[in-house]
Each structure stands twice: as C-alpha cells, then as structure tokens.
Amino acid sequence: MARFLDRLDLRLMGRKQWMTLAPLHYESDVAQRVITVPAEFITDLASTPRFPVTYLIAGDRAPGPAVVHDLLYMHPDWEDRHMADAILLEAMAVNQPELGFEAEAAPIRGLMWSAVRSFGWIPWRRHGKRAANLNPIWTATAWPEVQAV
C-alpha cells in the first residue's frame, strides 16, 4: 500500500520556494521503492498557473505529493517522466491524516495529473537547469539515492 512514512516539514524560503526541514520518505507501489526527499531540498510545490479557474481548482493542493514529484523531476538519475507523473497521481490518493496527508478528490487528482502530463515536459526538459537553480547544494555535491524497497 502506497504511503508516506513521515510528516512533511517545510519552511517558506522566499516567493514560491519551500525547503524541507527533515527527510520525507514515500513508499510507492507504482515504483516499487521508497523515495527519499532529503532535508534541505528546495521545491516550488505544485506549480499551478495563476489563471483564476485553474488556480481555484488546483492551487495550494497536495504539497507532499508535489515535493516527491519535484524531486523526481530534478533528480539526475531519474529518467522516467511517465513514472514520476504516475507516482504523483498515486501519492495524491494517499489518505494519512495522522501524518497530515489527505487524499485529493478523484476529479482534482485527474485534473492535476492531466495538467502535469500535458505541460510537465517543459520543466522536465530543463530539469538540470531547474535543479541547479533551486538546489545548488545537491547539484554541486551528490544527490541522495532513490532507494529500492
């Protein structure tokens, strides 16, 4: 069963940038592995266009799944965009209120996944540059391994 193993602990670092204060572990059935988001990872969460209807529907949702998805989109060893998007869809369905994660309704999950599949190629194509801009500490040293289960 897909699940988060920790609470998400974030600090706002600036306009639309957040930093994880502790590692976040996500156990994915789709990927058959545990994905570890390291402490001090910088994310912009779910980047949602500021069009009024789009933002009302999907803005400020699914921060835990968005952090995992951002890691996969930036990690230099992760080469499967389709799998990263499938993990996002899976993680948005996880309901663990005791850890602060609430499943998004199926229509919201579908809408957010469709948007990522339609437009995610833009950040995917520049993931090296995006990673260097948001996470120079990891880009300059070594990215943590995406663990096997």
Foldseek 3Di string as FASTA:
>chain_A
DKDKPAAFAWDDDDVLKIFTQAKIWICDPLVQAIFIDHGGAIFSFQDWDVDPVRCVLANPPDRPLRSSLLCLLQAPVRDDNVSSLVSSLVQLQDDDVVRPHHHDDPVSSVVSSVCCVVPVVVSSVVSPVVCCVRPVVCNVPPDDDGGHD
